[in-house]
């Protein structure tokens, strides 16, 4: 599977999605509804908290760090690296993370190699789940990016024969907040995010609608 950088633009116009078949748009809506139906509070009982960084969105990391620092029952905090080609990229150094509030270092794992796209982040996450024996985790990410991140991580886990509870932990951030890398709001980024979801699906990087439904059926029944 080729995991090179994607050329899909982050900001597209609403009418650029006009040629997308209704069935594919409904698949995206069904998937988002299904993922958001999961109880976010379940992440409080998870083994780990995982955050994919990117787009200069420090609020992803600070949200995860706040949860990590206030919930000693969490065994692990994993932070996936971002794309050095982004103008707002920051190296995930100890000093940088300390500046974002990290104080509890035992159990923290940071991806060392660059991850220019979500699929590479998801591969690293899945490898750490296997290596560290993670029994379940919360996925901490901005709401507009939540579905793509969730489906990409599920696919990476499935490719490795792993099935563990993954609970969505959407970051509390206003949809009017401007993302540092693009200067766009979540409202403005959503069409491009949908286009990226469709592109990732075509490349086989995402859990399919059938795979997601089967996984969520298992997850709900195992609670």
N, C-alpha and C. Protein backbone atom coordinates (compact mmCIF):
# COMPACT_ATOMS: atom_id res chain seq x y z
N UNK A 1 0.84 -1.19 0.00
CA UNK A 1 0.00 0.00 0.00
C UNK A 1 0.88 1.24 0.00
N UNK A 2 0.72 2.10 -1.00
CA UNK A 2 1.51 3.33 -1.08
C UNK A 2 0.94 4.37 -0.13
N UNK A 3 1.81 4.97 0.69
CA UNK A 3 1.35 5.95 1.66
C UNK A 3 2.02 7.29 1.43
N UNK A 4 2.24 7.65 0.20
CA UNK A 4 2.81 8.96 -0.09
C UNK A 4 1.83 10.06 0.23
N UNK A 5 2.31 11.29 0.16
CA UNK A 5 1.47 12.42 0.50
C UNK A 5 0.33 12.57 -0.50
N UNK A 6 -0.82 12.97 -0.02
CA UNK A 6 -1.97 13.17 -0.88
C UNK A 6 -1.96 14.57 -1.45
N UNK A 7 -2.47 14.72 -2.67
CA UNK A 7 -2.53 16.04 -3.29
C UNK A 7 -3.94 16.62 -3.22
N UNK A 8 -4.84 15.97 -2.53
CA UNK A 8 -6.20 16.49 -2.40
C UNK A 8 -6.17 17.81 -1.64
N UNK A 9 -6.73 18.88 -2.19
CA UNK A 9 -6.68 20.18 -1.50
C UNK A 9 -7.48 20.17 -0.21
N UNK A 10 -7.05 20.97 0.74
CA UNK A 10 -7.75 21.04 2.02
C UNK A 10 -8.98 21.94 1.94
N UNK A 11 -8.93 22.94 1.08
CA UNK A 11 -10.06 23.85 0.97
C UNK A 11 -10.64 23.74 -0.44
N UNK A 12 -11.88 23.31 -0.52
CA UNK A 12 -12.58 23.24 -1.80
C UNK A 12 -13.93 23.92 -1.63
N UNK A 13 -14.54 24.27 -2.73
CA UNK A 13 -15.86 24.90 -2.69
C UNK A 13 -16.94 23.84 -2.49
N UNK A 14 -18.05 24.26 -1.94
CA UNK A 14 -19.16 23.33 -1.74
C UNK A 14 -19.57 22.68 -3.06
N UNK A 15 -19.62 23.48 -4.13
CA UNK A 15 -20.10 22.93 -5.40
C UNK A 15 -19.08 22.02 -6.07
N UNK A 16 -17.85 21.96 -5.53
CA UNK A 16 -16.88 20.99 -6.04
C UNK A 16 -17.28 19.56 -5.71
N UNK A 17 -18.20 19.42 -4.76
CA UNK A 17 -18.70 18.10 -4.39
C UNK A 17 -19.99 17.75 -5.15
N UNK A 18 -20.36 18.60 -6.08
CA UNK A 18 -21.62 18.40 -6.79
C UNK A 18 -21.70 17.12 -7.59
N UNK A 19 -20.55 16.60 -8.02
CA UNK A 19 -20.55 15.38 -8.83
C UNK A 19 -20.45 14.11 -7.99
N UNK A 20 -20.35 14.26 -6.67
CA UNK A 20 -20.26 13.08 -5.81
C UNK A 20 -21.63 12.41 -5.75
N UNK A 21 -21.72 11.12 -6.05
CA UNK A 21 -23.01 10.43 -5.99
C UNK A 21 -23.64 10.53 -4.61
N UNK A 22 -24.95 10.63 -4.59
CA UNK A 22 -25.67 10.76 -3.32
C UNK A 22 -25.37 9.60 -2.38
N UNK A 23 -25.20 8.42 -2.93
CA UNK A 23 -24.93 7.25 -2.10
C UNK A 23 -23.63 7.38 -1.32
N UNK A 24 -22.62 7.96 -1.97
CA UNK A 24 -21.34 8.12 -1.28
C UNK A 24 -21.43 9.20 -0.19
N UNK A 25 -22.17 10.26 -0.47
CA UNK A 25 -22.37 11.28 0.55
C UNK A 25 -23.14 10.71 1.74
N UNK A 26 -24.12 9.86 1.45
CA UNK A 26 -24.87 9.23 2.54
C UNK A 26 -23.99 8.30 3.35
N UNK A 27 -23.05 7.63 2.69
CA UNK A 27 -22.11 6.78 3.43
C UNK A 27 -21.32 7.61 4.44
N UNK A 28 -20.88 8.80 4.02
CA UNK A 28 -20.14 9.68 4.92
C UNK A 28 -21.02 10.12 6.09
N UNK A 29 -22.26 10.49 5.79
CA UNK A 29 -23.18 10.95 6.84
C UNK A 29 -23.52 9.82 7.81
N UNK A 30 -23.74 8.63 7.27
CA UNK A 30 -24.04 7.48 8.14
C UNK A 30 -22.86 7.17 9.05
N UNK A 31 -21.66 7.21 8.47
CA UNK A 31 -20.47 6.91 9.26
C UNK A 31 -20.28 7.94 10.37
N UNK A 32 -20.45 9.22 10.05
CA UNK A 32 -20.29 10.26 11.06
C UNK A 32 -21.32 10.09 12.17
N UNK A 33 -22.56 9.82 11.79
CA UNK A 33 -23.62 9.62 12.79
C UNK A 33 -23.28 8.44 13.69
N UNK A 34 -22.81 7.36 13.09
CA UNK A 34 -22.51 6.15 13.86
C UNK A 34 -21.35 6.38 14.83
N UNK A 35 -20.30 7.05 14.36
CA UNK A 35 -19.14 7.28 15.22
C UNK A 35 -19.50 8.23 16.36
N UNK A 36 -20.27 9.27 16.05
CA UNK A 36 -20.65 10.23 17.09
C UNK A 36 -21.64 9.65 18.09
N UNK A 37 -22.26 8.53 17.74
CA UNK A 37 -23.19 7.89 18.69
C UNK A 37 -22.45 7.18 19.81
N UNK A 38 -21.14 6.96 19.64
CA UNK A 38 -20.37 6.27 20.67
C UNK A 38 -20.21 7.16 21.91
N UNK A 39 -20.27 6.58 23.09
CA UNK A 39 -20.15 7.37 24.33
C UNK A 39 -18.73 7.86 24.54
N UNK A 40 -18.55 9.17 24.49
CA UNK A 40 -17.21 9.72 24.68
C UNK A 40 -16.67 9.45 26.08
N UNK A 41 -17.57 9.34 27.04
CA UNK A 41 -17.15 9.09 28.42
C UNK A 41 -16.45 7.75 28.57
N UNK A 42 -16.68 6.83 27.62
CA UNK A 42 -16.04 5.51 27.70
C UNK A 42 -14.53 5.64 27.60
N UNK A 43 -14.05 6.71 26.97
CA UNK A 43 -12.60 6.91 26.86
C UNK A 43 -11.95 7.11 28.22
N UNK A 44 -12.74 7.52 29.22
CA UNK A 44 -12.20 7.71 30.56
C UNK A 44 -11.74 6.39 31.18
N UNK A 45 -12.30 5.29 30.69
CA UNK A 45 -11.93 3.98 31.22
C UNK A 45 -10.97 3.24 30.29
N UNK A 46 -10.50 3.94 29.27
CA UNK A 46 -9.61 3.30 28.30
C UNK A 46 -8.20 3.17 28.85
N UNK A 47 -7.42 2.38 28.15
CA UNK A 47 -6.04 2.13 28.53
C UNK A 47 -5.12 3.28 28.14
N UNK A 48 -5.49 3.98 27.06
CA UNK A 48 -4.59 4.99 26.50
C UNK A 48 -5.38 6.11 25.84
N UNK A 49 -4.68 7.20 25.64
CA UNK A 49 -5.21 8.34 24.89
C UNK A 49 -4.24 8.61 23.75
N UNK A 50 -4.78 8.77 22.54
CA UNK A 50 -3.93 8.94 21.36
C UNK A 50 -4.37 10.17 20.60
N UNK A 51 -3.39 11.00 20.20
CA UNK A 51 -3.71 12.22 19.48
C UNK A 51 -2.84 12.33 18.22
N UNK A 52 -3.45 12.42 17.04
CA UNK A 52 -2.69 12.71 15.82
C UNK A 52 -2.55 14.23 15.67
N UNK A 53 -1.32 14.71 15.66
CA UNK A 53 -1.09 16.15 15.56
C UNK A 53 -1.18 16.61 14.11
N UNK A 54 -1.22 17.93 13.92
CA UNK A 54 -1.20 18.45 12.56
C UNK A 54 -1.91 19.77 12.40
N UNK A 55 -1.62 20.45 11.28
CA UNK A 55 -2.28 21.69 10.89
C UNK A 55 -2.06 22.84 11.89
N UNK A 56 -1.03 22.71 12.71
CA UNK A 56 -0.76 23.74 13.70
C UNK A 56 -1.80 23.81 14.80
N UNK A 57 -2.62 22.77 14.91
CA UNK A 57 -3.71 22.76 15.89
C UNK A 57 -3.19 22.29 17.24
N UNK A 58 -2.58 23.20 17.96
CA UNK A 58 -2.09 22.84 19.29
C UNK A 58 -3.22 22.41 20.21
N UNK A 59 -4.44 22.86 19.90
CA UNK A 59 -5.56 22.50 20.77
C UNK A 59 -5.81 21.00 20.79
N UNK A 60 -5.42 20.28 19.76
CA UNK A 60 -5.53 18.82 19.81
C UNK A 60 -4.66 18.27 20.94
N UNK A 61 -3.41 18.74 20.97
CA UNK A 61 -2.44 18.21 21.93
C UNK A 61 -2.76 18.70 23.34
N UNK A 62 -3.10 19.98 23.47
CA UNK A 62 -3.38 20.50 24.81
C UNK A 62 -4.62 19.85 25.41
N UNK A 63 -5.62 19.55 24.57
CA UNK A 63 -6.81 18.85 25.06
C UNK A 63 -6.42 17.47 25.59
N UNK A 64 -5.60 16.76 24.82
CA UNK A 64 -5.17 15.43 25.25
C UNK A 64 -4.32 15.50 26.51
N UNK A 65 -3.44 16.49 26.58
CA UNK A 65 -2.58 16.63 27.76
C UNK A 65 -3.41 16.93 29.01
N UNK A 66 -4.41 17.78 28.87
CA UNK A 66 -5.27 18.08 30.04
C UNK A 66 -5.94 16.81 30.56
N UNK A 67 -6.45 15.99 29.64
CA UNK A 67 -7.07 14.74 30.06
C UNK A 67 -6.04 13.81 30.70
N UNK A 68 -4.87 13.73 30.10
CA UNK A 68 -3.80 12.87 30.59
C UNK A 68 -3.36 13.27 32.00
N UNK A 69 -3.20 14.56 32.21
CA UNK A 69 -2.70 15.04 33.50
C UNK A 69 -3.73 14.89 34.62
N UNK A 70 -5.00 14.87 34.28
CA UNK A 70 -6.04 14.81 35.31
C UNK A 70 -6.62 13.41 35.49
N UNK A 71 -6.16 12.45 34.69
CA UNK A 71 -6.68 11.08 34.79
C UNK A 71 -5.52 10.10 34.93
N UNK A 72 -5.04 9.91 36.14
CA UNK A 72 -3.88 9.04 36.35
C UNK A 72 -4.15 7.58 35.98
N UNK A 73 -5.43 7.22 35.83
CA UNK A 73 -5.72 5.84 35.45
C UNK A 73 -5.35 5.55 33.99
N UNK A 74 -5.17 6.59 33.19
CA UNK A 74 -4.69 6.38 31.82
C UNK A 74 -3.24 5.90 31.87
N UNK A 75 -2.98 4.78 31.20
CA UNK A 75 -1.64 4.19 31.26
C UNK A 75 -0.68 4.79 30.26
N UNK A 76 -1.21 5.22 29.10
CA UNK A 76 -0.35 5.67 28.01
C UNK A 76 -0.93 6.90 27.32
N UNK A 77 -0.04 7.77 26.87
CA UNK A 77 -0.39 8.89 26.00
C UNK A 77 0.49 8.79 24.76
N UNK A 78 -0.14 8.66 23.59
CA UNK A 78 0.60 8.57 22.34
C UNK A 78 0.31 9.81 21.50
N UNK A 79 1.37 10.42 20.97
CA UNK A 79 1.22 11.60 20.13
C UNK A 79 1.85 11.30 18.78
N UNK A 80 1.02 11.25 17.74
CA UNK A 80 1.52 10.98 16.39
C UNK A 80 2.07 12.26 15.78
N UNK A 81 3.17 12.13 15.09
CA UNK A 81 3.85 13.28 14.48
C UNK A 81 3.04 13.82 13.31
N UNK A 82 3.41 15.02 12.86
CA UNK A 82 2.73 15.65 11.75
C UNK A 82 3.60 15.75 10.52
N UNK A 83 3.30 16.72 9.68
CA UNK A 83 3.95 16.89 8.38
C UNK A 83 4.92 18.07 8.44
N UNK A 84 6.23 17.82 8.35
CA UNK A 84 7.20 18.93 8.40
C UNK A 84 7.05 19.93 7.27
N UNK A 85 6.34 19.56 6.20
CA UNK A 85 6.13 20.49 5.09
C UNK A 85 5.12 21.58 5.44
N UNK A 86 4.37 21.39 6.50
CA UNK A 86 3.41 22.41 6.91
C UNK A 86 4.16 23.59 7.53
N UNK A 87 3.72 24.79 7.24
CA UNK A 87 4.40 25.98 7.76
C UNK A 87 4.26 26.11 9.27
N UNK A 88 3.22 25.50 9.83
CA UNK A 88 2.99 25.59 11.28
C UNK A 88 3.49 24.37 12.03
N UNK A 89 4.26 23.52 11.35
CA UNK A 89 4.77 22.30 12.00
C UNK A 89 5.73 22.65 13.13
N UNK A 90 5.57 21.97 14.26
CA UNK A 90 6.50 22.08 15.38
C UNK A 90 7.01 20.70 15.73
N UNK A 91 8.30 20.59 15.96
CA UNK A 91 8.85 19.32 16.42
C UNK A 91 8.29 18.99 17.79
N UNK A 92 7.90 17.74 17.98
CA UNK A 92 7.30 17.32 19.24
C UNK A 92 8.39 17.03 20.28
N UNK A 93 9.15 18.05 20.58
CA UNK A 93 10.27 17.91 21.52
C UNK A 93 9.76 17.97 22.95
N UNK A 94 10.56 17.49 23.90
CA UNK A 94 10.15 17.60 25.31
C UNK A 94 9.85 19.04 25.72
N UNK A 95 10.68 19.99 25.25
CA UNK A 95 10.45 21.38 25.60
C UNK A 95 9.13 21.90 25.06
N UNK A 96 8.82 21.52 23.82
CA UNK A 96 7.56 21.95 23.21
C UNK A 96 6.37 21.38 23.97
N UNK A 97 6.42 20.10 24.28
CA UNK A 97 5.31 19.46 24.98
C UNK A 97 5.19 19.98 26.42
N UNK A 98 6.32 20.27 27.02
CA UNK A 98 6.29 20.86 28.37
C UNK A 98 5.60 22.22 28.33
N UNK A 99 5.84 22.97 27.27
CA UNK A 99 5.19 24.27 27.12
C UNK A 99 3.69 24.17 26.93
N UNK A 100 3.22 23.00 26.49
CA UNK A 100 1.78 22.78 26.33
C UNK A 100 1.15 22.18 27.58
N UNK A 101 1.96 22.00 28.62
CA UNK A 101 1.41 21.56 29.90
C UNK A 101 1.74 20.15 30.31
N UNK A 102 2.56 19.44 29.54
CA UNK A 102 2.87 18.06 29.88
C UNK A 102 3.82 17.99 31.08
N UNK A 103 3.41 17.27 32.10
CA UNK A 103 4.23 17.10 33.30
C UNK A 103 4.44 15.62 33.62
N UNK A 104 3.47 14.79 33.30
CA UNK A 104 3.55 13.35 33.61
C UNK A 104 4.14 12.64 32.39
N UNK A 105 5.44 12.31 32.47
CA UNK A 105 6.16 11.80 31.31
C UNK A 105 6.13 10.29 31.19
N UNK A 106 5.99 9.60 32.31
CA UNK A 106 6.00 8.15 32.26
C UNK A 106 4.77 7.65 31.50
N UNK A 107 4.99 6.90 30.44
CA UNK A 107 3.88 6.40 29.63
C UNK A 107 3.64 7.20 28.36
N UNK A 108 4.43 8.25 28.14
CA UNK A 108 4.26 9.08 26.95
C UNK A 108 5.12 8.53 25.81
N UNK A 109 4.50 8.37 24.64
CA UNK A 109 5.21 7.89 23.45
C UNK A 109 4.93 8.86 22.31
N UNK A 110 5.99 9.33 21.66
CA UNK A 110 5.87 10.30 20.58
C UNK A 110 6.46 9.70 19.31
N UNK A 111 5.74 9.84 18.21
CA UNK A 111 6.23 9.33 16.93
C UNK A 111 7.45 10.14 16.49
N UNK A 112 8.55 9.48 16.26
CA UNK A 112 9.79 10.17 15.92
C UNK A 112 9.84 10.59 14.46
N UNK A 113 9.38 9.72 13.57
CA UNK A 113 9.49 9.99 12.14
C UNK A 113 8.34 10.89 11.67
N UNK A 114 8.58 11.71 10.64
CA UNK A 114 7.51 12.55 10.10
C UNK A 114 6.36 11.70 9.58
N UNK A 115 5.16 12.26 9.64
CA UNK A 115 3.97 11.57 9.14
C UNK A 115 3.19 12.55 8.27
N UNK A 116 3.50 12.61 6.97
CA UNK A 116 2.87 13.60 6.10
C UNK A 116 1.38 13.42 5.87
N UNK A 117 0.80 12.30 6.27
CA UNK A 117 -0.64 12.14 6.12
C UNK A 117 -1.21 11.26 7.23
N UNK A 118 -2.53 11.24 7.31
CA UNK A 118 -3.22 10.53 8.38
C UNK A 118 -2.97 9.03 8.31
N UNK A 119 -2.81 8.49 7.10
CA UNK A 119 -2.57 7.05 6.97
C UNK A 119 -1.25 6.64 7.62
N UNK A 120 -0.22 7.47 7.49
CA UNK A 120 1.06 7.17 8.13
C UNK A 120 0.94 7.29 9.65
N UNK A 121 0.19 8.26 10.11
CA UNK A 121 -0.05 8.38 11.55
C UNK A 121 -0.79 7.14 12.06
N UNK A 122 -1.80 6.72 11.31
CA UNK A 122 -2.60 5.56 11.72
C UNK A 122 -1.76 4.29 11.76
N UNK A 123 -0.84 4.14 10.81
CA UNK A 123 0.03 2.97 10.82
C UNK A 123 0.90 2.94 12.06
N UNK A 124 1.44 4.10 12.43
CA UNK A 124 2.26 4.17 13.65
C UNK A 124 1.40 3.86 14.88
N UNK A 125 0.20 4.40 14.92
CA UNK A 125 -0.70 4.15 16.05
C UNK A 125 -0.99 2.65 16.18
N UNK A 126 -1.32 2.02 15.07
CA UNK A 126 -1.65 0.59 15.11
C UNK A 126 -0.44 -0.24 15.55
N UNK A 127 0.74 0.13 15.09
CA UNK A 127 1.94 -0.59 15.51
C UNK A 127 2.18 -0.46 17.01
N UNK A 128 1.91 0.73 17.55
CA UNK A 128 2.10 0.93 19.00
C UNK A 128 1.03 0.18 19.79
N UNK A 129 -0.18 0.11 19.26
CA UNK A 129 -1.23 -0.67 19.94
C UNK A 129 -0.77 -2.11 20.11
N UNK A 130 -0.19 -2.67 19.04
CA UNK A 130 0.30 -4.05 19.11
C UNK A 130 1.51 -4.16 20.04
N UNK A 131 2.46 -3.26 19.89
CA UNK A 131 3.71 -3.33 20.65
C UNK A 131 3.50 -3.13 22.15
N UNK A 132 2.60 -2.21 22.51
CA UNK A 132 2.42 -1.84 23.91
C UNK A 132 1.26 -2.58 24.57
N UNK A 133 0.59 -3.44 23.81
CA UNK A 133 -0.52 -4.21 24.37
C UNK A 133 -1.68 -3.34 24.80
N UNK A 134 -1.98 -2.31 24.03
CA UNK A 134 -3.07 -1.39 24.37
C UNK A 134 -4.41 -2.10 24.19
N UNK A 135 -5.23 -2.06 25.23
CA UNK A 135 -6.50 -2.80 25.22
C UNK A 135 -7.68 -1.95 24.76
N UNK A 136 -7.47 -0.67 24.57
CA UNK A 136 -8.52 0.24 24.13
C UNK A 136 -8.03 1.66 24.31
N UNK A 137 -8.53 2.58 23.47
CA UNK A 137 -8.02 3.95 23.59
C UNK A 137 -9.03 4.98 23.09
N UNK A 138 -8.82 6.20 23.58
CA UNK A 138 -9.57 7.34 23.08
C UNK A 138 -8.77 8.03 22.00
N UNK A 139 -9.44 8.42 20.92
CA UNK A 139 -8.79 9.10 19.80
C UNK A 139 -9.16 10.57 19.86
N UNK A 140 -8.18 11.39 20.19
CA UNK A 140 -8.40 12.81 20.48
C UNK A 140 -8.06 13.64 19.24
N UNK A 141 -9.07 14.27 18.64
CA UNK A 141 -8.84 14.99 17.38
C UNK A 141 -9.93 16.04 17.19
N UNK A 142 -9.65 17.03 16.37
CA UNK A 142 -10.63 18.08 16.10
C UNK A 142 -11.87 17.49 15.43
N UNK A 143 -13.05 18.02 15.74
CA UNK A 143 -14.29 17.41 15.23
C UNK A 143 -14.37 17.28 13.72
N UNK A 144 -13.91 18.29 12.97
CA UNK A 144 -14.04 18.21 11.51
C UNK A 144 -13.20 17.08 10.93
N UNK A 145 -12.15 16.69 11.64
CA UNK A 145 -11.21 15.66 11.17
C UNK A 145 -11.49 14.29 11.80
N UNK A 146 -12.44 14.25 12.71
CA UNK A 146 -12.65 13.05 13.52
C UNK A 146 -12.98 11.82 12.68
N UNK A 147 -13.90 11.94 11.74
CA UNK A 147 -14.33 10.76 11.01
C UNK A 147 -13.19 10.16 10.19
N UNK A 148 -12.46 10.99 9.47
CA UNK A 148 -11.37 10.46 8.64
C UNK A 148 -10.30 9.81 9.51
N UNK A 149 -9.96 10.46 10.62
CA UNK A 149 -8.96 9.89 11.51
C UNK A 149 -9.44 8.55 12.06
N UNK A 150 -10.69 8.50 12.49
CA UNK A 150 -11.24 7.28 13.09
C UNK A 150 -11.24 6.12 12.09
N UNK A 151 -11.73 6.38 10.88
CA UNK A 151 -11.81 5.32 9.88
C UNK A 151 -10.42 4.87 9.42
N UNK A 152 -9.47 5.80 9.37
CA UNK A 152 -8.12 5.44 8.96
C UNK A 152 -7.44 4.59 10.02
N UNK A 153 -7.63 4.93 11.28
CA UNK A 153 -7.06 4.14 12.36
C UNK A 153 -7.68 2.74 12.39
N UNK A 154 -9.01 2.66 12.22
CA UNK A 154 -9.65 1.35 12.20
C UNK A 154 -9.07 0.46 11.10
N UNK A 155 -8.85 1.04 9.93
CA UNK A 155 -8.31 0.26 8.82
C UNK A 155 -6.90 -0.23 9.14
N UNK A 156 -6.09 0.64 9.73
CA UNK A 156 -4.72 0.25 10.07
C UNK A 156 -4.72 -0.86 11.11
N UNK A 157 -5.61 -0.78 12.08
CA UNK A 157 -5.72 -1.85 13.07
C UNK A 157 -6.14 -3.16 12.42
N UNK A 158 -7.13 -3.07 11.54
CA UNK A 158 -7.65 -4.27 10.88
C UNK A 158 -6.57 -4.94 10.03
N UNK A 159 -5.75 -4.16 9.37
CA UNK A 159 -4.68 -4.73 8.54
C UNK A 159 -3.69 -5.54 9.38
N UNK A 160 -3.61 -5.21 10.65
CA UNK A 160 -2.69 -5.91 11.55
C UNK A 160 -3.40 -6.97 12.38
N UNK A 161 -4.66 -7.21 12.06
CA UNK A 161 -5.42 -8.22 12.78
C UNK A 161 -5.77 -7.83 14.20
N UNK A 162 -5.89 -6.51 14.45
CA UNK A 162 -6.16 -6.01 15.79
C UNK A 162 -7.59 -5.50 15.89
N UNK A 163 -8.24 -5.79 17.00
CA UNK A 163 -9.57 -5.24 17.26
C UNK A 163 -9.64 -4.87 18.73
N UNK A 164 -9.63 -3.58 19.00
CA UNK A 164 -9.74 -3.06 20.36
C UNK A 164 -10.74 -1.90 20.33
N UNK A 165 -11.34 -1.57 21.47
CA UNK A 165 -12.24 -0.43 21.51
C UNK A 165 -11.51 0.88 21.19
N UNK A 166 -12.09 1.64 20.27
CA UNK A 166 -11.59 2.98 19.94
C UNK A 166 -12.73 3.96 20.18
N UNK A 167 -12.52 4.88 21.11
CA UNK A 167 -13.57 5.82 21.49
C UNK A 167 -13.23 7.21 20.97
N UNK A 168 -14.18 7.88 20.32
CA UNK A 168 -13.91 9.23 19.82
C UNK A 168 -13.82 10.24 20.97
N UNK A 169 -12.82 11.10 20.90
CA UNK A 169 -12.67 12.18 21.88
C UNK A 169 -12.51 13.48 21.08
N UNK A 170 -13.63 14.05 20.61
CA UNK A 170 -13.52 15.30 19.84
C UNK A 170 -13.05 16.45 20.72
N UNK A 171 -12.11 17.21 20.20
CA UNK A 171 -11.58 18.36 20.92
C UNK A 171 -12.64 19.44 21.01
N UNK A 172 -12.76 20.04 22.17
CA UNK A 172 -13.72 21.13 22.35
C UNK A 172 -13.12 22.41 21.78
N UNK A 173 -13.49 22.73 20.54
CA UNK A 173 -12.99 23.93 19.88
C UNK A 173 -14.11 24.47 18.99
N UNK A 174 -14.26 25.77 18.96
CA UNK A 174 -15.32 26.39 18.17
C UNK A 174 -15.12 26.10 16.68
N UNK A 175 -16.20 25.78 15.95
CA UNK A 175 -16.06 25.60 14.51
C UNK A 175 -15.70 26.89 13.78
N UNK A 176 -15.80 28.02 14.48
CA UNK A 176 -15.38 29.30 13.90
C UNK A 176 -13.90 29.59 14.13
N UNK A 177 -13.25 28.75 14.95
CA UNK A 177 -11.81 28.95 15.19
C UNK A 177 -11.04 28.71 13.90
N UNK A 178 -10.08 29.56 13.62
CA UNK A 178 -9.31 29.43 12.38
C UNK A 178 -8.12 28.51 12.60
N UNK A 179 -8.04 27.48 11.77
CA UNK A 179 -6.95 26.52 11.85
C UNK A 179 -5.66 27.23 11.42
N UNK A 180 -4.61 27.18 12.22
CA UNK A 180 -3.41 27.96 11.93
C UNK A 180 -2.79 27.70 10.56
N UNK A 181 -2.78 26.47 10.10
CA UNK A 181 -2.09 26.16 8.85
C UNK A 181 -2.76 26.80 7.64
N UNK A 182 -4.08 26.83 7.62
CA UNK A 182 -4.81 27.32 6.44
C UNK A 182 -5.53 28.64 6.69
N UNK A 183 -5.75 28.98 7.95
CA UNK A 183 -6.54 30.16 8.26
C UNK A 183 -8.03 29.94 8.04
N UNK A 184 -8.42 28.70 7.78
CA UNK A 184 -9.82 28.38 7.51
C UNK A 184 -10.50 27.85 8.76
N UNK A 185 -11.82 28.00 8.80
CA UNK A 185 -12.60 27.45 9.90
C UNK A 185 -13.00 26.01 9.59
N UNK A 186 -13.54 25.34 10.59
CA UNK A 186 -14.03 23.97 10.37
C UNK A 186 -15.14 23.96 9.33
N UNK A 187 -15.98 25.00 9.33
CA UNK A 187 -17.03 25.10 8.32
C UNK A 187 -16.42 25.10 6.92
N UNK A 188 -15.35 25.84 6.76
CA UNK A 188 -14.71 25.98 5.44
C UNK A 188 -13.88 24.76 5.07
N UNK A 189 -13.40 24.04 6.07
CA UNK A 189 -12.57 22.86 5.80
C UNK A 189 -13.38 21.60 5.54
N UNK A 190 -14.64 21.60 5.95
CA UNK A 190 -15.42 20.37 5.87
C UNK A 190 -15.58 19.84 4.44
N UNK A 191 -15.86 20.67 3.42
CA UNK A 191 -15.95 20.10 2.07
C UNK A 191 -14.67 19.41 1.63
N UNK A 192 -13.52 20.02 1.93
CA UNK A 192 -12.25 19.39 1.58
C UNK A 192 -12.02 18.11 2.37
N UNK A 193 -12.49 18.10 3.61
CA UNK A 193 -12.34 16.90 4.43
C UNK A 193 -13.18 15.76 3.85
N UNK A 194 -14.38 16.08 3.40
CA UNK A 194 -15.21 15.05 2.76
C UNK A 194 -14.53 14.53 1.50
N UNK A 195 -13.96 15.44 0.73
CA UNK A 195 -13.26 15.00 -0.48
C UNK A 195 -12.07 14.10 -0.14
N UNK A 196 -11.38 14.41 0.94
CA UNK A 196 -10.27 13.57 1.38
C UNK A 196 -10.77 12.21 1.86
N UNK A 197 -11.90 12.19 2.52
CA UNK A 197 -12.48 10.91 2.94
C UNK A 197 -12.74 10.03 1.71
N UNK A 198 -13.30 10.62 0.67
CA UNK A 198 -13.59 9.86 -0.54
C UNK A 198 -12.29 9.40 -1.21
N UNK A 199 -11.28 10.27 -1.22
CA UNK A 199 -9.98 9.90 -1.80
C UNK A 199 -9.32 8.78 -1.01
N UNK A 200 -9.33 8.89 0.31
CA UNK A 200 -8.75 7.85 1.15
C UNK A 200 -9.49 6.52 0.94
N UNK A 201 -10.81 6.61 0.83
CA UNK A 201 -11.59 5.39 0.62
C UNK A 201 -11.20 4.72 -0.69
N UNK A 202 -11.02 5.52 -1.74
CA UNK A 202 -10.63 4.98 -3.03
C UNK A 202 -9.25 4.33 -2.99
N UNK A 203 -8.39 4.81 -2.10
CA UNK A 203 -7.04 4.25 -1.97
C UNK A 203 -6.99 3.07 -1.01
N UNK A 204 -8.12 2.75 -0.41
CA UNK A 204 -8.16 1.62 0.52
C UNK A 204 -7.61 1.92 1.88
N UNK A 205 -7.53 3.20 2.25
CA UNK A 205 -6.96 3.58 3.53
C UNK A 205 -7.99 3.62 4.65
N UNK A 206 -9.28 3.59 4.32
CA UNK A 206 -10.33 3.72 5.33
C UNK A 206 -11.09 2.42 5.53
N UNK A 207 -11.60 2.24 6.74
CA UNK A 207 -12.57 1.16 6.96
C UNK A 207 -13.77 1.43 6.06
N UNK A 208 -14.25 0.41 5.39
CA UNK A 208 -15.41 0.56 4.51
C UNK A 208 -16.68 0.70 5.34
N UNK A 209 -17.78 1.15 4.72
CA UNK A 209 -19.04 1.21 5.48
C UNK A 209 -19.41 -0.12 6.13
N UNK A 210 -19.21 -1.22 5.41
CA UNK A 210 -19.53 -2.53 5.98
C UNK A 210 -18.59 -2.88 7.13
N UNK A 211 -17.30 -2.56 6.98
CA UNK A 211 -16.34 -2.84 8.05
C UNK A 211 -16.64 -2.01 9.28
N UNK A 212 -17.00 -0.74 9.08
CA UNK A 212 -17.34 0.12 10.21
C UNK A 212 -18.56 -0.41 10.94
N UNK A 213 -19.58 -0.80 10.18
CA UNK A 213 -20.81 -1.28 10.81
C UNK A 213 -20.54 -2.56 11.61
N UNK A 214 -19.75 -3.46 11.05
CA UNK A 214 -19.43 -4.69 11.77
C UNK A 214 -18.63 -4.39 13.04
N UNK A 215 -17.67 -3.47 12.92
CA UNK A 215 -16.85 -3.11 14.08
C UNK A 215 -17.70 -2.48 15.18
N UNK A 216 -18.55 -1.53 14.81
CA UNK A 216 -19.37 -0.86 15.81
C UNK A 216 -20.38 -1.82 16.45
N UNK A 217 -20.86 -2.78 15.66
CA UNK A 217 -21.73 -3.80 16.24
C UNK A 217 -21.00 -4.58 17.32
N UNK A 218 -19.75 -4.93 17.03
CA UNK A 218 -18.93 -5.62 18.04
C UNK A 218 -18.68 -4.73 19.25
N UNK A 219 -18.36 -3.45 18.99
CA UNK A 219 -18.02 -2.53 20.08
C UNK A 219 -19.21 -2.32 21.02
N UNK A 220 -20.39 -2.11 20.45
CA UNK A 220 -21.57 -1.91 21.29
C UNK A 220 -21.90 -3.18 22.08
N UNK A 221 -21.75 -4.33 21.46
CA UNK A 221 -22.10 -5.58 22.14
C UNK A 221 -21.10 -5.95 23.23
N UNK A 222 -19.88 -5.39 23.14
CA UNK A 222 -18.85 -5.74 24.12
C UNK A 222 -18.82 -4.80 25.31
N UNK A 223 -19.66 -3.77 25.30
CA UNK A 223 -19.66 -2.82 26.42
C UNK A 223 -20.26 -3.44 27.67
